[in-house]
Amino acid sequence: MFAQDRARKLAILIITCVGFFMVLLDTSIVNVALPTIQTDFHASLTDLQWMVDAYTLPFAALLLTAGSLGDRFGRKRLFLIGLIGFTLGSALCALAPNLQLLIAGRALQGAGGAALSPGSLSLLVAAFTDHKERTQALGIWSGISGLALAAGPVVGGVLIRVSNWPAIFFVNLPIGTLVFILGWRILAESRNPHARRLDLPGQVLAIAGLASLTYALIEGESAGWTSPLILSLFASAAAFLIAFLVVEARVREPLLPLQLFKSVVFSTANAAAAVVGFALLSTVFFVTQYFQSVQGYSALDAGLRTLPSSMGIFLTAPVAGQVAARFGPRVPITLGALLSGVALLLLIRLDPTTSYANIWWNQGMYGIGFGLMLSPLTAAGLSTIPQHRAGLGSAVLNTSRQIGSVFGIALLGALVEQQFINNLFSKLSNLGIPGSISQKMVATIASAGAEGGQVQFSGSLPVASHVLHQVINQAFTDSLHISFLTTGTLLLFTGGVCALLLKVPRHVEADKDIPSDTPEELVPASGEI
């Protein structure tokens, strides 16, 4: 009997962790595939931004509601529904004949992931009732995020080398199907009889506001920042988000309890979590583009070259919890923000020919910095709110980080694209090419998504092709500097703010986001990237 119980718990641990791993893997695995996808579909930088944000936007927007749906209608049911959505989205991505369907598949993946993630944690907590066993199981579950971050680029590179980019999505189909079959047979259903009511108006307004703002930021360059479409989207986003705050302040059981933000520490931790998401995903996005599009490395080689940053996070995150427990969360958070901020500012020295020996330690430096911030931010944020709301507070912190990721790609992508166009026009003009011809060449290159790549022009070129290639590489690399400057400065500022405002007792534990006495309240808390 005892052996059967242990076997069943082990099966539940494997099912929930593998499902969670799939969701997190797809936040990092796609980056190494973007240049190949760009070539196949003649995609622009804007299209690549949508490839990433189409996944993170629904994931961030639906995460809070997904936890409530699981509590009300069943965690197993929601986990399996999310798994179906994620797997079907993967199939749509793998079989997509055009970029539009590929982006739609990514959105379905993100929505499925938002449903799957809270269910995986709640099912795990319900299965492991012994405190020691639960702590061990949750440690494994939390470690999955770091493992997925480290494995994603390498796994993606291997799959692309042996096949092509659809393989990074096809691989989810057999795994998702197997996890569904095992989950259907083994997982036990659980609900919370005191589940919060669904805040449908709040959810609709949140999605509308975030989607409008994201669309305006990503499409602003191509449509024109002062065009009626973009201006109306910015106005709509402001109206939706203001209406969201009004609704949340009035409903009895809001999607986002604004009372939580009366705590300066909780508000500061959420702002810092958003900055981490903003800086981390955008940095991974642009550094991967640099390795492949500018320096010409294959997907696998580029994936291997991102390992210092992901391994820095993976190895430092557990240590950060111990440092926070001994010295208080403020110490690792402040140190991490300063370390990653300085590392990103140092990336401003990159040029197309920078050797890897001058890059890898920089990546490791900001990886360690981000790793020092992740779990202590959760511990700090939860230190001033009631224990019975720890699960909700954890979900809010995770949502803040995901929203930061969405806007990091959208805003910094817009800045980099605009800077690339300006740099390229200036460099072509410096070669003596007339302004009208330079404008046409810039438009062709930008629309072809050829940052660092080769472009086919009709007619003869006013400059040698190898010279044009060098100019494109230099213009794109220079444009990345604005991203590193923005994120580095923001992280340094965040470190200063956290040093002043995150006054948290030293005894706060880094795993407080996983309260052992309130499993029905739990939603995803730890380091999703």
Protein backbone atom coordinates (compact mmCIF):
# COMPACT_ATOMS: atom_id res chain seq x y z
CA MET A 1 0.00 0.00 0.00
CA PHE A 2 2.82 2.35 0.98
CA ALA A 3 4.73 1.48 -2.20
CA GLN A 4 1.62 2.13 -4.33
CA ASP A 5 1.13 5.53 -2.67
CA ARG A 6 4.75 6.51 -3.34
CA ALA A 7 4.51 5.35 -6.95
CA ARG A 8 1.34 7.38 -7.45
CA LYS A 9 2.91 10.51 -5.94
CA LEU A 10 5.97 10.06 -8.14
CA ALA A 11 3.72 9.76 -11.20
CA ILE A 12 1.86 12.95 -10.23
CA LEU A 13 5.18 14.75 -9.75
CA ILE A 14 6.38 13.65 -13.20
CA ILE A 15 3.09 14.54 -14.92
CA THR A 16 2.80 18.02 -13.42
CA CYS A 17 6.49 18.86 -13.82
CA VAL A 18 6.70 17.66 -17.43
CA GLY A 19 3.60 19.69 -18.34
CA PHE A 20 5.02 22.76 -16.62
CA PHE A 21 8.43 22.19 -18.25
CA MET A 22 6.85 22.17 -21.73
CA VAL A 23 5.22 25.54 -21.09
CA LEU A 24 8.40 27.16 -19.80
CA LEU A 25 10.59 25.59 -22.48
CA ASP A 26 8.58 27.31 -25.19
CA THR A 27 9.41 30.73 -23.76
CA SER A 28 13.11 30.18 -24.53
CA ILE A 29 13.29 27.51 -27.25
CA VAL A 30 11.73 29.72 -29.92
CA ASN A 31 14.45 32.39 -29.78
CA VAL A 32 17.06 30.30 -31.62
CA ALA A 33 14.48 29.47 -34.30
CA LEU A 34 13.56 33.07 -35.08
CA PRO A 35 16.24 33.77 -37.74
CA THR A 36 15.30 30.56 -39.60
CA ILE A 37 11.60 31.44 -39.38
CA GLN A 38 12.49 34.95 -40.49
CA THR A 39 14.19 33.62 -43.61
CA ASP A 40 11.43 31.13 -44.49
CA PHE A 41 8.59 33.65 -44.14
CA HIS A 42 10.54 36.82 -45.07
CA ALA A 43 9.56 38.19 -41.68
CA SER A 44 10.45 41.61 -40.31
CA LEU A 45 11.64 42.44 -36.81
CA THR A 46 8.04 43.39 -36.00
CA ASP A 47 6.92 39.90 -37.01
CA LEU A 48 9.54 38.37 -34.72
CA GLN A 49 8.27 40.49 -31.84
CA TRP A 50 4.80 39.06 -32.43
CA MET A 51 6.24 35.56 -32.42
CA VAL A 52 7.35 36.13 -28.83
CA ASP A 53 4.58 38.38 -27.52
CA ALA A 54 1.78 36.29 -29.04
CA TYR A 55 2.83 33.68 -26.48
CA THR A 56 3.57 35.84 -23.44
CA LEU A 57 0.59 38.21 -23.79
CA PRO A 58 -2.22 35.64 -23.31
CA PHE A 59 -0.08 33.83 -20.75
CA ALA A 60 0.24 36.98 -18.65
CA ALA A 61 -3.33 38.19 -19.18
CA LEU A 62 -5.01 34.88 -18.30
CA LEU A 63 -2.81 33.66 -15.45
CA LEU A 64 -4.84 35.12 -12.57
CA THR A 65 -8.18 34.00 -13.97
CA ALA A 66 -6.85 30.52 -14.69
CA GLY A 67 -6.12 29.97 -11.00
CA SER A 68 -9.69 30.93 -10.08
CA LEU A 69 -11.14 28.71 -12.82
CA GLY A 70 -9.19 25.75 -11.49
CA ASP A 71 -10.38 26.38 -7.94
CA ARG A 72 -14.00 26.59 -9.08
CA PHE A 73 -14.27 23.96 -11.84
CA GLY A 74 -11.46 21.57 -10.98
CA ARG A 75 -7.67 21.74 -11.12
CA LYS A 76 -7.31 18.48 -13.03
CA ARG A 77 -9.87 19.58 -15.59
CA LEU A 78 -8.16 22.91 -16.16
CA PHE A 79 -4.71 21.29 -16.31
CA LEU A 80 -5.88 18.88 -19.01
CA ILE A 81 -7.74 21.59 -20.94
CA GLY A 82 -4.61 23.75 -20.84
CA LEU A 83 -2.54 20.80 -22.01
CA ILE A 84 -4.90 20.24 -24.95
CA GLY A 85 -4.75 23.92 -25.90
CA PHE A 86 -0.97 24.03 -25.64
CA THR A 87 -0.53 20.85 -27.68
CA LEU A 88 -2.98 21.95 -30.38
CA GLY A 89 -1.22 25.32 -30.52
CA SER A 90 2.08 23.50 -31.00
CA ALA A 91 0.59 21.50 -33.87
CA LEU A 92 -0.72 24.67 -35.50
CA CYS A 93 2.73 26.29 -35.21
CA ALA A 94 4.50 23.25 -36.66
CA LEU A 95 2.14 22.98 -39.64
CA ALA A 96 1.64 26.71 -40.23
CA PRO A 97 1.97 27.58 -43.94
CA ASN A 98 2.30 31.29 -43.19
CA LEU A 99 3.35 33.66 -40.46
CA GLN A 100 -0.19 34.61 -39.47
CA LEU A 101 -1.15 31.04 -38.53
CA LEU A 102 2.19 30.58 -36.80
CA ILE A 103 1.49 33.60 -34.59
CA ALA A 104 -2.05 32.33 -33.95
CA GLY A 105 -0.60 29.00 -32.85
CA ARG A 106 1.75 30.79 -30.47
CA ALA A 107 -1.23 32.62 -28.94
CA LEU A 108 -3.06 29.32 -28.42
CA GLN A 109 0.07 27.91 -26.80
CA GLY A 110 0.21 30.86 -24.42
CA ALA A 111 -3.45 30.56 -23.44
CA GLY A 112 -3.04 26.84 -22.86
CA GLY A 113 0.08 27.47 -20.80
CA ALA A 114 -1.77 29.96 -18.61
CA ALA A 115 -4.40 27.31 -17.86
CA LEU A 116 -1.88 24.52 -17.31
CA SER A 117 0.57 26.31 -14.99
CA PRO A 118 -1.56 27.01 -11.89
CA GLY A 119 -3.14 23.57 -12.16
CA SER A 120 0.26 21.88 -12.13
CA LEU A 121 1.20 23.49 -8.81
CA SER A 122 -2.19 23.02 -7.13
CA LEU A 123 -2.35 19.34 -8.11
CA LEU A 124 1.14 18.83 -6.76
CA VAL A 125 0.32 20.46 -3.43
CA ALA A 126 -2.89 18.44 -3.07
CA ALA A 127 -1.01 15.17 -3.67
CA PHE A 128 1.86 15.79 -1.24
CA THR A 129 0.28 16.37 2.18
CA ASP A 130 3.37 15.59 4.26
CA HIS A 131 5.30 18.82 4.86
CA LYS A 132 8.74 17.34 4.15
CA GLU A 133 7.60 15.55 0.99
CA ARG A 134 5.78 18.65 -0.19
CA THR A 135 8.85 20.82 0.30
CA GLN A 136 10.95 18.40 -1.74
CA ALA A 137 8.33 18.16 -4.50
CA LEU A 138 7.92 21.92 -4.70
CA GLY A 139 11.68 22.34 -4.83
CA ILE A 140 11.76 20.11 -7.91
CA TRP A 141 8.80 21.97 -9.44
CA SER A 142 10.48 25.34 -8.85
CA GLY A 143 13.78 24.11 -10.27
CA ILE A 144 12.02 23.21 -13.51
CA SER A 145 11.92 26.88 -14.52
CA GLY A 146 15.69 27.28 -14.38
CA LEU A 147 16.21 23.98 -16.17
CA ALA A 148 13.80 24.98 -18.96
CA LEU A 149 15.56 28.31 -19.39
CA ALA A 150 18.95 26.63 -19.68
CA ALA A 151 17.77 23.78 -21.90
CA GLY A 152 15.56 25.75 -24.30
CA PRO A 153 18.17 27.31 -26.62
CA VAL A 154 20.27 24.13 -26.75
CA VAL A 155 17.30 21.80 -27.33
CA GLY A 156 16.02 24.19 -29.99
CA GLY A 157 19.40 24.32 -31.67
CA VAL A 158 19.70 20.52 -31.76
CA LEU A 159 16.20 20.08 -33.20
CA ILE A 160 16.80 22.70 -35.88
CA ARG A 161 20.15 21.13 -36.82
CA VAL A 162 18.71 17.60 -37.23
CA SER A 163 15.47 18.81 -38.83
CA ASN A 164 14.13 22.36 -39.15
CA TRP A 165 12.28 24.93 -37.06
CA PRO A 166 8.89 23.07 -37.07
CA ALA A 167 10.61 20.37 -34.99
CA ILE A 168 10.66 22.66 -31.92
CA PHE A 169 6.86 22.54 -32.00
CA PHE A 170 6.39 18.97 -33.23
CA VAL A 171 8.32 17.70 -30.21
CA ASN A 172 5.47 18.87 -27.97
CA LEU A 173 2.90 16.63 -29.68
CA PRO A 174 3.97 13.17 -28.44
CA ILE A 175 4.96 14.55 -25.03
CA GLY A 176 1.69 16.45 -24.63
CA THR A 177 -0.36 13.43 -25.72
CA LEU A 178 1.43 11.12 -23.29
CA VAL A 179 1.09 13.57 -20.39
CA PHE A 180 -2.63 13.96 -21.16
CA ILE A 181 -3.25 10.19 -21.14
CA LEU A 182 -1.34 9.71 -17.89
CA GLY A 183 -2.94 12.76 -16.31
CA TRP A 184 -6.44 11.59 -17.26
CA ARG A 185 -5.80 8.23 -15.59
CA ILE A 186 -3.71 9.18 -12.57
CA LEU A 187 -4.48 12.74 -11.44
CA ALA A 188 -7.23 13.19 -8.85
CA GLU A 189 -9.71 16.03 -9.19
CA SER A 190 -9.74 18.76 -6.55
CA ARG A 191 -11.62 22.01 -6.06
CA ASN A 192 -11.76 24.84 -3.57
CA PRO A 193 -15.27 25.06 -2.05
CA HIS A 194 -14.51 28.69 -1.14
CA ALA A 195 -13.16 29.68 -4.55
CA ARG A 196 -13.27 33.34 -5.49
CA ARG A 197 -15.92 34.45 -7.95
CA LEU A 198 -14.81 35.04 -11.51
CA ASP A 199 -14.24 38.70 -12.30
CA LEU A 200 -15.25 38.56 -15.96
CA PRO A 201 -15.46 42.36 -16.52
CA GLY A 202 -12.02 42.80 -14.99
CA GLN A 203 -10.55 40.02 -17.12
CA VAL A 204 -12.03 41.41 -20.36
CA LEU A 205 -10.79 44.92 -19.61
CA ALA A 206 -7.31 43.66 -18.69
CA ILE A 207 -6.98 41.69 -21.92
CA ALA A 208 -8.30 44.58 -24.01
CA GLY A 209 -5.96 47.09 -22.37
CA LEU A 210 -2.83 44.96 -22.57
CA ALA A 211 -3.55 43.84 -26.14
CA SER A 212 -4.22 47.40 -27.35
CA LEU A 213 -1.05 48.75 -25.80
CA THR A 214 1.07 45.86 -27.07
CA TYR A 215 -0.29 46.20 -30.61
CA ALA A 216 0.34 49.95 -30.63
CA LEU A 217 3.94 49.53 -29.45
CA ILE A 218 4.82 46.76 -31.90
CA GLU A 219 3.06 48.21 -34.95
CA GLY A 220 3.81 51.87 -34.22
CA GLU A 221 6.92 52.01 -36.41
CA SER A 222 5.33 50.45 -39.49
CA ALA A 223 1.94 52.17 -39.18
CA GLY A 224 3.34 55.52 -38.03
CA TRP A 225 3.38 56.68 -34.42
CA THR A 226 1.02 59.56 -35.17
CA SER A 227 -1.30 57.59 -37.44
CA PRO A 228 -5.00 57.48 -36.45
CA LEU A 229 -4.77 53.72 -35.84
CA ILE A 230 -1.86 53.89 -33.39
CA LEU A 231 -3.15 56.98 -31.57
CA SER A 232 -6.58 55.39 -31.18
CA LEU A 233 -4.98 52.21 -29.84
CA PHE A 234 -3.02 54.16 -27.23
CA ALA A 235 -6.19 56.01 -26.24
CA SER A 236 -8.15 52.75 -26.09
CA ALA A 237 -5.46 51.11 -23.97
CA ALA A 238 -5.56 53.99 -21.49
CA ALA A 239 -9.37 53.88 -21.34
CA PHE A 240 -9.47 50.09 -20.87
CA LEU A 241 -6.82 50.09 -18.15
CA ILE A 242 -8.42 52.99 -16.25
CA ALA A 243 -11.78 51.20 -16.46
CA PHE A 244 -10.06 48.05 -15.19
CA LEU A 245 -8.80 49.88 -12.10
CA VAL A 246 -12.26 51.34 -11.46
CA VAL A 247 -13.91 47.92 -11.72
CA GLU A 248 -11.29 46.28 -9.50
CA ALA A 249 -11.85 48.93 -6.83
CA ARG A 250 -15.61 48.28 -6.76
CA VAL A 251 -16.23 44.55 -7.18
CA ARG A 252 -16.37 42.32 -4.11
CA GLU A 253 -13.90 39.70 -5.38
CA PRO A 254 -11.64 41.43 -7.93
CA LEU A 255 -9.26 39.74 -10.30
CA LEU A 256 -6.51 42.00 -8.92
CA PRO A 257 -7.15 43.13 -5.31
CA LEU A 258 -5.84 46.68 -5.28
CA GLN A 259 -5.61 46.61 -1.48
CA LEU A 260 -2.47 44.51 -1.84
CA PHE A 261 -0.69 47.50 -3.34
CA LYS A 262 -1.20 49.60 -0.20
CA SER A 263 1.98 47.90 0.96
CA VAL A 264 5.03 49.81 -0.27
CA VAL A 265 7.09 46.62 -0.14
CA PHE A 266 4.58 44.62 -2.20
CA SER A 267 4.26 47.42 -4.76
CA THR A 268 8.03 47.80 -5.02
CA ALA A 269 8.51 44.05 -5.43
CA ASN A 270 5.94 43.96 -8.23
CA ALA A 271 7.57 46.88 -10.02
CA ALA A 272 10.97 45.21 -9.70
CA ALA A 273 9.54 41.89 -10.95
CA ALA A 274 8.16 43.71 -14.00
CA VAL A 275 11.61 45.23 -14.64
CA VAL A 276 13.21 41.77 -14.43
CA GLY A 277 10.74 40.43 -17.01
CA PHE A 278 11.21 43.54 -19.15
CA ALA A 279 15.00 43.23 -19.20
CA LEU A 280 15.47 39.46 -19.20
CA LEU A 281 13.31 38.31 -22.10
CA SER A 282 14.29 41.24 -24.32
CA THR A 283 17.99 40.65 -23.66
CA VAL A 284 17.72 36.96 -24.54
CA PHE A 285 15.75 37.92 -27.67
CA PHE A 286 18.30 40.44 -28.95
CA VAL A 287 21.47 38.58 -27.94
CA THR A 288 20.24 35.49 -29.80
CA GLN A 289 19.53 37.66 -32.86
CA TYR A 290 23.04 39.09 -32.60
CA PHE A 291 24.72 35.67 -32.51
CA GLN A 292 22.77 34.32 -35.49
CA SER A 293 21.92 37.26 -37.73
CA VAL A 294 25.11 39.28 -37.24
CA GLN A 295 27.82 36.78 -36.33
CA GLY A 296 26.37 34.02 -38.50
CA TYR A 297 26.26 31.18 -35.97
CA SER A 298 23.89 28.26 -36.45
CA ALA A 299 20.90 27.80 -34.15
CA LEU A 300 22.78 25.19 -32.10
CA ASP A 301 25.95 27.26 -31.83
CA ALA A 302 23.93 30.32 -30.83
CA GLY A 303 22.03 28.26 -28.26
CA LEU A 304 25.28 27.02 -26.74
CA ARG A 305 26.59 30.59 -26.62
CA THR A 306 23.62 31.71 -24.50
CA LEU A 307 24.38 29.10 -21.82
CA PRO A 308 26.43 31.41 -19.56
CA SER A 309 23.37 33.59 -18.86
CA SER A 310 20.88 30.75 -18.41
CA MET A 311 23.28 28.71 -16.30
CA GLY A 312 23.99 31.81 -14.23
CA ILE A 313 20.30 32.02 -13.40
CA PHE A 314 19.94 28.27 -12.90
CA LEU A 315 22.87 27.98 -10.49
CA THR A 316 22.34 31.24 -8.61
CA ALA A 317 18.59 31.06 -7.96
CA PRO A 318 18.84 28.42 -5.17
CA VAL A 319 21.72 30.32 -3.53
CA ALA A 320 19.69 33.54 -3.66
CA GLY A 321 17.06 31.97 -1.42
CA GLN A 322 19.70 31.10 1.17
CA VAL A 323 21.19 34.59 1.04
CA ALA A 324 17.72 36.11 1.44
CA ALA A 325 16.97 33.89 4.43
CA ARG A 326 20.18 34.97 6.16
CA PHE A 327 20.48 38.65 5.27
CA GLY A 328 16.97 39.54 4.12
CA PRO A 329 15.66 39.74 0.52
CA ARG A 330 16.84 43.31 0.02
CA VAL A 331 20.51 42.27 -0.13
CA PRO A 332 20.35 39.78 -3.05
CA ILE A 333 17.74 41.87 -4.89
CA THR A 334 19.82 45.05 -4.74
CA LEU A 335 23.05 43.22 -5.56
CA GLY A 336 21.38 41.36 -8.44
CA ALA A 337 19.90 44.52 -9.94
CA LEU A 338 23.23 46.35 -9.79
CA LEU A 339 25.17 43.38 -11.18
CA SER A 340 22.81 42.76 -14.11
CA GLY A 341 22.50 46.50 -14.78
CA VAL A 342 26.27 46.97 -15.06
CA ALA A 343 26.57 43.83 -17.22
CA LEU A 344 23.95 45.08 -19.68
CA LEU A 345 25.54 48.52 -19.88
CA LEU A 346 28.84 46.83 -20.74
CA LEU A 347 27.16 45.20 -23.74
CA ILE A 348 27.07 48.63 -25.37
CA ARG A 349 30.63 47.93 -26.50
CA LEU A 350 29.45 45.12 -28.83
CA ASP A 351 30.27 45.38 -32.51
CA PRO A 352 29.79 42.81 -35.31
CA THR A 353 33.24 41.31 -34.79
CA THR A 354 33.34 41.12 -30.98
CA SER A 355 34.85 37.78 -29.98
CA TYR A 356 32.93 35.37 -27.77
CA ALA A 357 35.72 35.62 -25.19
CA ASN A 358 34.59 39.21 -24.59
CA ILE A 359 30.90 38.28 -24.33
CA TRP A 360 30.44 35.07 -22.33
CA TRP A 361 31.47 36.51 -18.97
CA ASN A 362 29.11 39.43 -19.56
CA GLN A 363 26.26 36.97 -20.08
CA GLY A 364 27.20 35.06 -16.95
CA MET A 365 27.30 38.33 -15.02
CA TYR A 366 23.75 39.38 -15.89
CA GLY A 367 22.54 35.79 -15.51
CA ILE A 368 23.84 35.73 -11.94
CA GLY A 369 22.26 39.13 -11.35
CA PHE A 370 18.82 38.02 -12.52
CA GLY A 371 19.16 34.78 -10.57
CA LEU A 372 19.81 36.74 -7.38
CA MET A 373 16.57 38.67 -7.84
CA LEU A 374 13.92 36.09 -8.75
CA SER A 375 12.95 34.18 -5.59
CA PRO A 376 13.90 36.98 -3.13
CA LEU A 377 11.50 39.32 -4.95
CA THR A 378 8.67 36.88 -4.27
CA ALA A 379 9.72 36.52 -0.63
CA ALA A 380 9.91 40.30 -0.19
CA GLY A 381 6.57 40.92 -1.87
CA LEU A 382 4.77 38.38 0.29
CA SER A 383 6.35 39.47 3.56
CA THR A 384 3.76 42.19 4.21
CA ILE A 385 0.53 40.48 3.13
CA PRO A 386 -1.57 37.94 5.10
CA GLN A 387 -0.49 34.31 4.87
CA HIS A 388 -3.89 33.17 3.57
CA ARG A 389 -3.42 35.48 0.54
CA ALA A 390 0.10 34.29 -0.22
CA GLY A 391 -1.02 32.24 -3.21
CA LEU A 392 -2.82 35.20 -4.76
CA GLY A 393 0.10 37.50 -3.99
CA SER A 394 2.49 35.06 -5.67
CA ALA A 395 0.31 34.97 -8.77
CA VAL A 396 0.22 38.77 -8.92
CA LEU A 397 4.02 38.92 -8.70
CA ASN A 398 4.39 36.33 -11.45
CA THR A 399 1.87 38.17 -13.60
CA SER A 400 3.82 41.41 -13.13
CA ARG A 401 6.96 39.66 -14.37
CA GLN A 402 5.13 38.25 -17.40
CA ILE A 403 3.61 41.64 -18.26
CA GLY A 404 7.09 43.15 -18.03
CA SER A 405 8.26 40.53 -20.54
CA VAL A 406 5.46 41.45 -22.94
CA PHE A 407 6.32 45.14 -22.89
CA GLY A 408 10.06 44.52 -22.95
CA ILE A 409 9.72 42.86 -26.35
CA ALA A 410 7.14 45.38 -27.59
CA LEU A 411 8.76 48.63 -26.45
CA LEU A 412 12.42 47.76 -26.89
CA GLY A 413 11.66 46.09 -30.20
CA ALA A 414 10.09 49.33 -31.39
CA LEU A 415 13.10 51.34 -30.21
CA VAL A 416 15.59 48.97 -31.81
CA GLU A 417 13.70 48.91 -35.11
CA GLN A 418 13.53 52.71 -35.27
CA GLN A 419 17.21 53.00 -34.36
CA PHE A 420 18.15 50.39 -36.97
CA ILE A 421 16.34 52.32 -39.70
CA ASN A 422 18.02 55.59 -38.65
CA ASN A 423 21.46 53.96 -38.42
CA LEU A 424 21.12 52.24 -41.77
CA PHE A 425 19.98 55.38 -43.57
CA SER A 426 22.86 57.35 -42.06
CA LYS A 427 25.47 54.75 -43.00
CA LEU A 428 24.17 54.39 -46.57
CA SER A 429 24.21 58.17 -46.95
CA ASN A 430 27.79 58.23 -45.67
CA LEU A 431 28.69 55.90 -48.55
CA GLY A 432 27.56 58.61 -50.95
CA ILE A 433 24.28 56.95 -51.92
CA PRO A 434 21.59 59.56 -52.74
CA GLY A 435 18.89 60.03 -50.11
CA SER A 436 16.02 58.78 -52.27
CA ILE A 437 17.86 55.56 -53.10
CA SER A 438 18.95 55.12 -49.48
CA GLN A 439 15.33 55.41 -48.35
CA LYS A 440 14.22 52.73 -50.80
CA MET A 441 17.04 50.43 -49.73
CA VAL A 442 16.25 50.93 -46.04
CA ALA A 443 12.57 50.19 -46.63
CA THR A 444 13.43 47.02 -48.56
CA ILE A 445 15.87 45.79 -45.94
CA ALA A 446 13.58 46.54 -42.99
CA SER A 447 10.52 44.94 -44.58
CA ALA A 448 12.54 41.86 -45.52
CA GLY A 449 13.66 41.45 -41.95
CA ALA A 450 17.24 41.29 -43.06
CA GLU A 451 19.00 42.56 -39.97
CA GLY A 452 22.46 41.28 -40.68
CA GLY A 453 21.29 39.12 -43.54
CA GLN A 454 21.36 39.24 -47.32
CA VAL A 455 18.69 41.11 -49.29
CA GLN A 456 17.72 40.62 -52.90
CA PHE A 457 17.32 43.86 -54.86
CA SER A 458 16.03 44.30 -58.35
CA GLY A 459 18.55 45.96 -60.61
CA SER A 460 22.16 46.81 -59.81
CA LEU A 461 23.26 47.85 -56.34
CA PRO A 462 24.90 51.25 -55.81
CA VAL A 463 27.35 49.50 -53.46
CA ALA A 464 29.13 46.13 -53.41
CA SER A 465 27.06 43.39 -51.78
CA HIS A 466 29.73 42.56 -49.18
CA VAL A 467 29.92 46.23 -48.20
CA LEU A 468 26.14 46.36 -47.86
CA HIS A 469 26.25 43.24 -45.71
CA GLN A 470 28.79 44.88 -43.40
CA VAL A 471 26.74 48.07 -43.21
CA ILE A 472 23.59 46.13 -42.27
CA ASN A 473 25.45 44.20 -39.59
CA GLN A 474 26.94 47.36 -38.11
CA ALA A 475 23.64 49.24 -38.21
CA PHE A 476 21.78 46.42 -36.48
CA THR A 477 24.46 45.92 -33.82
CA ASP A 478 24.52 49.65 -33.08
CA SER A 479 20.73 49.65 -32.75
CA LEU A 480 20.94 46.96 -30.05
CA HIS A 481 22.86 49.39 -27.86
CA ILE A 482 19.69 51.34 -27.09
CA SER A 483 18.11 48.19 -25.66
CA PHE A 484 21.12 47.45 -23.45
CA LEU A 485 21.35 51.09 -22.38
CA THR A 486 17.65 51.21 -21.47
CA THR A 487 17.54 47.94 -19.56
CA GLY A 488 20.88 48.50 -17.84
CA THR A 489 19.92 51.97 -16.63
CA LEU A 490 16.49 50.75 -15.53
CA LEU A 491 18.03 47.92 -13.50
CA LEU A 492 20.48 50.26 -11.77
CA PHE A 493 17.58 52.56 -10.87
CA THR A 494 15.57 49.56 -9.66
CA GLY A 495 18.46 48.46 -7.47
CA GLY A 496 18.56 51.88 -5.82
CA VAL A 497 14.80 51.93 -5.25
CA CYS A 498 14.82 48.42 -3.78
CA ALA A 499 17.69 49.32 -1.45
CA LEU A 500 15.60 52.20 -0.10
CA LEU A 501 12.10 50.70 0.00
CA LEU A 502 12.39 46.92 0.47
CA LYS A 503 12.65 46.97 4.24
CA VAL A 504 11.91 43.32 4.99
CA PRO A 505 12.82 41.36 8.16
CA ARG A 506 15.77 39.00 7.78
CA HIS A 507 13.79 35.97 8.90
CA VAL A 508 11.55 36.04 5.82
CA GLU A 509 12.07 32.77 3.95
CA ALA A 510 12.57 32.71 0.23
CA ASP A 511 9.96 29.97 -0.22
CA LYS A 512 7.16 31.76 1.59
CA ASP A 513 5.39 31.94 -1.75
CA ILE A 514 4.50 28.26 -1.27
CA PRO A 515 2.45 28.22 1.98
CA SER A 516 2.05 24.68 3.27
CA ASP A 517 -1.17 25.25 5.14
CA THR A 518 -3.30 26.72 2.34
CA PRO A 519 -3.01 24.49 -0.72
CA GLU A 520 -6.34 25.60 -2.13
CA GLU A 521 -5.04 29.13 -2.47
CA LEU A 522 -2.00 28.23 -4.52
CA VAL A 523 -1.28 29.50 -7.99
CA PRO A 524 2.07 29.66 -9.82
CA ALA A 525 4.60 31.54 -7.82
CA SER A 526 8.17 30.78 -8.64
CA GLY A 527 10.63 31.57 -11.32
CA GLU A 528 8.80 31.43 -14.66
CA ILE A 529 10.73 33.34 -17.23
